[in-house]
């Protein structure tokens, strides 16, 4: 009986933690009205996400290039947890390279006008990502900025 009660308590704590984490991660969501959800991307990269309240590794995230801009979102397995983030090319102030200790290099996307909704895409293909962005007129910075935490990137 005590074991069952302990399992129920642990399940409730785990469920509450996952729900809280998902709500925090959802604050990174940014959608553009009028984008076409079913449109096929011109280019696709798989990697991870670096954002406030969330860092993923592996290939749980997709960076999609369209004629209108970019979309970062989760793969089929991770869509429930990874927020969708979209930006038109003309909204991007800069794409720069950042890294944290023991992390891959991320392409960090900053928006024009001081919009605080920045986000990073972790990938081994950051050079190819920057070339595509440059081809669309987005300013890029290839110098790698080292930070200790993601919070430093939001200051």
C-alpha atoms as a PDB file:
ATOM      1  CA  UNK A   1       0.000   0.000   0.000  1.00  0.00           C
ATOM      2  CA  UNK A   2       2.839   2.378   0.847  1.00  0.00           C
ATOM      3  CA  UNK A   3       4.532   1.567  -2.478  1.00  0.00           C
ATOM      4  CA  UNK A   4       1.371   2.432  -4.417  1.00  0.00           C
ATOM      5  CA  UNK A   5       1.022   5.745  -2.564  1.00  0.00           C
ATOM      6  CA  UNK A   6       4.670   6.562  -3.263  1.00  0.00           C
ATOM      7  CA  UNK A   7       4.240   5.787  -6.979  1.00  0.00           C
ATOM      8  CA  UNK A   8       1.134   8.012  -7.156  1.00  0.00           C
ATOM      9  CA  UNK A   9       2.968  10.877  -5.411  1.00  0.00           C
ATOM     10  CA  UNK A  10       5.994  10.551  -7.708  1.00  0.00           C
ATOM     11  CA  UNK A  11       3.755  10.457 -10.795  1.00  0.00           C
ATOM     12  CA  UNK A  12       1.917  13.600  -9.647  1.00  0.00           C
ATOM     13  CA  UNK A  13       5.177  15.450  -8.989  1.00  0.00           C
ATOM     14  CA  UNK A  14       6.600  14.363 -12.369  1.00  0.00           C
ATOM     15  CA  UNK A  15       3.429  15.356 -14.213  1.00  0.00           C
ATOM     16  CA  UNK A  16       3.364  18.740 -12.507  1.00  0.00           C
ATOM     17  CA  UNK A  17       7.022  19.328 -13.370  1.00  0.00           C
ATOM     18  CA  UNK A  18       6.494  18.441 -17.029  1.00  0.00           C
ATOM     19  CA  UNK A  19       3.417  20.686 -17.212  1.00  0.00           C
ATOM     20  CA  UNK A  20       5.302  23.621 -15.665  1.00  0.00           C
ATOM     21  CA  UNK A  21       8.297  23.116 -17.965  1.00  0.00           C
ATOM     22  CA  UNK A  22       6.039  22.942 -21.039  1.00  0.00           C
ATOM     23  CA  UNK A  23       4.303  26.210 -20.036  1.00  0.00           C
ATOM     24  CA  UNK A  24       7.668  27.955 -19.599  1.00  0.00           C
ATOM     25  CA  UNK A  25       8.961  26.642 -22.933  1.00  0.00           C
ATOM     26  CA  UNK A  26       5.764  27.799 -24.677  1.00  0.00           C
ATOM     27  CA  UNK A  27       6.732  31.411 -23.872  1.00  0.00           C
ATOM     28  CA  UNK A  28       9.229  31.102 -26.754  1.00  0.00           C
ATOM     29  CA  UNK A  29       6.419  30.605 -29.276  1.00  0.00           C
ATOM     30  CA  UNK A  30       6.273  33.143 -32.105  1.00  0.00           C
ATOM     31  CA  UNK A  31       3.928  32.705 -35.056  1.00  0.00           C
ATOM     32  CA  UNK A  32       3.465  34.913 -38.096  1.00  0.00           C
ATOM     33  CA  UNK A  33      -0.125  35.394 -39.211  1.00  0.00           C
ATOM     34  CA  UNK A  34      -0.625  34.245 -42.761  1.00  0.00           C
ATOM     35  CA  UNK A  35       2.210  31.717 -43.060  1.00  0.00           C
ATOM     36  CA  UNK A  36       1.288  28.503 -44.784  1.00  0.00           C
ATOM     37  CA  UNK A  37       1.545  25.578 -42.372  1.00  0.00           C
ATOM     38  CA  UNK A  38       1.464  22.885 -45.072  1.00  0.00           C
ATOM     39  CA  UNK A  39       3.958  24.593 -47.387  1.00  0.00           C
ATOM     40  CA  UNK A  40       7.082  22.500 -47.994  1.00  0.00           C
ATOM     41  CA  UNK A  41      10.340  24.108 -46.851  1.00  0.00           C
ATOM     42  CA  UNK A  42      13.018  24.973 -49.436  1.00  0.00           C
ATOM     43  CA  UNK A  43      15.768  23.839 -47.039  1.00  0.00           C
ATOM     44  CA  UNK A  44      15.678  21.822 -43.820  1.00  0.00           C
ATOM     45  CA  UNK A  45      18.191  21.328 -41.010  1.00  0.00           C
ATOM     46  CA  UNK A  46      17.824  19.119 -37.944  1.00  0.00           C
ATOM     47  CA  UNK A  47      19.330  19.980 -34.602  1.00  0.00           C
ATOM     48  CA  UNK A  48      18.507  21.313 -31.165  1.00  0.00           C
ATOM     49  CA  UNK A  49      17.023  24.406 -29.590  1.00  0.00           C
ATOM     50  CA  UNK A  50      18.538  27.004 -27.293  1.00  0.00           C
ATOM     51  CA  UNK A  51      15.969  29.335 -25.757  1.00  0.00           C
ATOM     52  CA  UNK A  52      14.874  30.782 -22.472  1.00  0.00           C
ATOM     53  CA  UNK A  53      13.767  27.909 -20.222  1.00  0.00           C
ATOM     54  CA  UNK A  54      14.694  25.263 -22.813  1.00  0.00           C
ATOM     55  CA  UNK A  55      17.702  23.574 -24.359  1.00  0.00           C
ATOM     56  CA  UNK A  56      17.383  20.406 -26.406  1.00  0.00           C
ATOM     57  CA  UNK A  57      20.065  18.271 -27.950  1.00  0.00           C
ATOM     58  CA  UNK A  58      20.175  15.742 -30.732  1.00  0.00           C
ATOM     59  CA  UNK A  59      17.849  16.210 -33.669  1.00  0.00           C
ATOM     60  CA  UNK A  60      14.554  17.046 -31.934  1.00  0.00           C
ATOM     61  CA  UNK A  61      14.187  20.379 -33.747  1.00  0.00           C
ATOM     62  CA  UNK A  62      13.771  21.410 -37.391  1.00  0.00           C
ATOM     63  CA  UNK A  63      14.968  24.683 -38.906  1.00  0.00           C
ATOM     64  CA  UNK A  64      12.953  25.213 -42.087  1.00  0.00           C
ATOM     65  CA  UNK A  65      13.713  27.802 -44.774  1.00  0.00           C
ATOM     66  CA  UNK A  66      10.824  29.161 -46.847  1.00  0.00           C
ATOM     67  CA  UNK A  67      10.513  31.928 -49.443  1.00  0.00           C
ATOM     68  CA  UNK A  68       9.015  34.201 -46.753  1.00  0.00           C
ATOM     69  CA  UNK A  69      11.347  33.363 -43.818  1.00  0.00           C
ATOM     70  CA  UNK A  70      12.288  30.671 -41.316  1.00  0.00           C
ATOM     71  CA  UNK A  71      10.442  28.361 -38.950  1.00  0.00           C
ATOM     72  CA  UNK A  72      11.916  26.493 -36.006  1.00  0.00           C
ATOM     73  CA  UNK A  73       9.736  23.719 -34.612  1.00  0.00           C
ATOM     74  CA  UNK A  74       9.840  20.299 -33.044  1.00  0.00           C
ATOM     75  CA  UNK A  75       9.935  17.034 -34.941  1.00  0.00           C
ATOM     76  CA  UNK A  76       6.968  14.669 -34.815  1.00  0.00           C
ATOM     77  CA  UNK A  77       8.161  13.255 -31.471  1.00  0.00           C
ATOM     78  CA  UNK A  78       8.939  16.606 -29.824  1.00  0.00           C
ATOM     79  CA  UNK A  79       6.209  18.947 -31.130  1.00  0.00           C
ATOM     80  CA  UNK A  80       4.323  18.734 -27.858  1.00  0.00           C
ATOM     81  CA  UNK A  81       7.295  20.279 -26.010  1.00  0.00           C
ATOM     82  CA  UNK A  82       9.172  22.400 -28.572  1.00  0.00           C
ATOM     83  CA  UNK A  83       7.507  25.740 -29.395  1.00  0.00           C
ATOM     84  CA  UNK A  84       7.180  26.885 -33.002  1.00  0.00           C
ATOM     85  CA  UNK A  85       9.106  30.097 -33.757  1.00  0.00           C
ATOM     86  CA  UNK A  86       8.737  31.942 -37.075  1.00  0.00           C
ATOM     87  CA  UNK A  87      10.332  35.076 -38.496  1.00  0.00           C
ATOM     88  CA  UNK A  88      10.341  36.748 -41.884  1.00  0.00           C
ATOM     89  CA  UNK A  89      13.806  37.419 -43.286  1.00  0.00           C
ATOM     90  CA  UNK A  90      13.259  41.174 -43.062  1.00  0.00           C
ATOM     91  CA  UNK A  91      12.392  40.848 -39.341  1.00  0.00           C
ATOM     92  CA  UNK A  92      15.776  39.317 -38.507  1.00  0.00           C
ATOM     93  CA  UNK A  93      18.265  41.887 -37.219  1.00  0.00           C
ATOM     94  CA  UNK A  94      21.169  39.416 -37.171  1.00  0.00           C
ATOM     95  CA  UNK A  95      22.063  35.749 -37.050  1.00  0.00           C
ATOM     96  CA  UNK A  96      25.130  35.147 -34.908  1.00  0.00           C
ATOM     97  CA  UNK A  97      27.056  32.181 -33.570  1.00  0.00           C
ATOM     98  CA  UNK A  98      26.943  31.440 -29.835  1.00  0.00           C
ATOM     99  CA  UNK A  99      28.064  28.566 -27.658  1.00  0.00           C
ATOM    100  CA  UNK A 100      27.896  27.499 -24.024  1.00  0.00           C
ATOM    101  CA  UNK A 101      30.326  25.217 -22.196  1.00  0.00           C
ATOM    102  CA  UNK A 102      29.948  21.625 -23.451  1.00  0.00           C
ATOM    103  CA  UNK A 103      27.531  22.695 -26.186  1.00  0.00           C
ATOM    104  CA  UNK A 104      27.430  22.726 -29.947  1.00  0.00           C
ATOM    105  CA  UNK A 105      27.473  26.053 -31.719  1.00  0.00           C
ATOM    106  CA  UNK A 106      24.064  27.666 -32.108  1.00  0.00           C
ATOM    107  CA  UNK A 107      22.856  30.151 -34.681  1.00  0.00           C
ATOM    108  CA  UNK A 108      21.232  32.814 -32.512  1.00  0.00           C
ATOM    109  CA  UNK A 109      18.399  34.752 -34.174  1.00  0.00           C
ATOM    110  CA  UNK A 110      17.771  38.324 -32.984  1.00  0.00           C
ATOM    111  CA  UNK A 111      14.814  40.341 -34.208  1.00  0.00           C
ATOM    112  CA  UNK A 112      14.745  43.965 -35.326  1.00  0.00           C
ATOM    113  CA  UNK A 113      13.398  46.682 -33.086  1.00  0.00           C
ATOM    114  CA  UNK A 114      14.666  45.173 -29.845  1.00  0.00           C
ATOM    115  CA  UNK A 115      12.022  42.427 -29.846  1.00  0.00           C
ATOM    116  CA  UNK A 116      13.063  40.146 -26.952  1.00  0.00           C
ATOM    117  CA  UNK A 117      11.925  36.923 -28.615  1.00  0.00           C
ATOM    118  CA  UNK A 118      15.377  35.705 -29.668  1.00  0.00           C
ATOM    119  CA  UNK A 119      16.081  31.994 -30.121  1.00  0.00           C
ATOM    120  CA  UNK A 120      18.934  29.710 -31.108  1.00  0.00           C
ATOM    121  CA  UNK A 121      19.238  26.659 -33.342  1.00  0.00           C
ATOM    122  CA  UNK A 122      21.940  24.166 -32.293  1.00  0.00           C
ATOM    123  CA  UNK A 123      23.534  22.398 -35.227  1.00  0.00           C
ATOM    124  CA  UNK A 124      26.730  21.057 -36.714  1.00  0.00           C
ATOM    125  CA  UNK A 125      25.719  22.871 -39.929  1.00  0.00           C
ATOM    126  CA  UNK A 126      25.809  26.470 -38.703  1.00  0.00           C
ATOM    127  CA  UNK A 127      28.016  27.555 -41.635  1.00  0.00           C
ATOM    128  CA  UNK A 128      25.448  26.356 -44.173  1.00  0.00           C
ATOM    129  CA  UNK A 129      22.638  28.020 -42.200  1.00  0.00           C
ATOM    130  CA  UNK A 130      24.512  31.348 -42.180  1.00  0.00           C
ATOM    131  CA  UNK A 131      25.187  31.133 -45.931  1.00  0.00           C
ATOM    132  CA  UNK A 132      21.480  30.649 -46.649  1.00  0.00           C
ATOM    133  CA  UNK A 133      20.543  33.551 -44.390  1.00  0.00           C
ATOM    134  CA  UNK A 134      23.157  35.789 -45.998  1.00  0.00           C
ATOM    135  CA  UNK A 135      21.709  34.912 -49.394  1.00  0.00           C
ATOM    136  CA  UNK A 136      18.377  36.275 -48.141  1.00  0.00           C
ATOM    137  CA  UNK A 137      19.923  39.554 -46.985  1.00  0.00           C
ATOM    138  CA  UNK A 138      20.079  38.739 -43.265  1.00  0.00           C
ATOM    139  CA  UNK A 139      23.154  40.220 -41.521  1.00  0.00           C
ATOM    140  CA  UNK A 140      25.350  37.486 -40.024  1.00  0.00           C
ATOM    141  CA  UNK A 141      28.181  37.407 -37.503  1.00  0.00           C
ATOM    142  CA  UNK A 142      30.516  34.408 -37.789  1.00  0.00           C
ATOM    143  CA  UNK A 143      32.512  35.250 -34.654  1.00  0.00           C
ATOM    144  CA  UNK A 144      31.542  32.764 -31.919  1.00  0.00           C
ATOM    145  CA  UNK A 145      30.315  34.364 -28.685  1.00  0.00           C
ATOM    146  CA  UNK A 146      30.822  32.191 -25.604  1.00  0.00           C
ATOM    147  CA  UNK A 147      28.255  32.495 -22.840  1.00  0.00           C
ATOM    148  CA  UNK A 148      27.771  30.661 -19.555  1.00  0.00           C
ATOM    149  CA  UNK A 149      23.985  30.568 -19.701  1.00  0.00           C
ATOM    150  CA  UNK A 150      21.189  31.320 -22.138  1.00  0.00           C
ATOM    151  CA  UNK A 151      20.012  34.186 -19.921  1.00  0.00           C
ATOM    152  CA  UNK A 152      23.115  36.179 -20.934  1.00  0.00           C
ATOM    153  CA  UNK A 153      21.803  36.226 -24.519  1.00  0.00           C
ATOM    154  CA  UNK A 154      18.584  37.977 -23.470  1.00  0.00           C
ATOM    155  CA  UNK A 155      20.345  40.937 -21.816  1.00  0.00           C
END
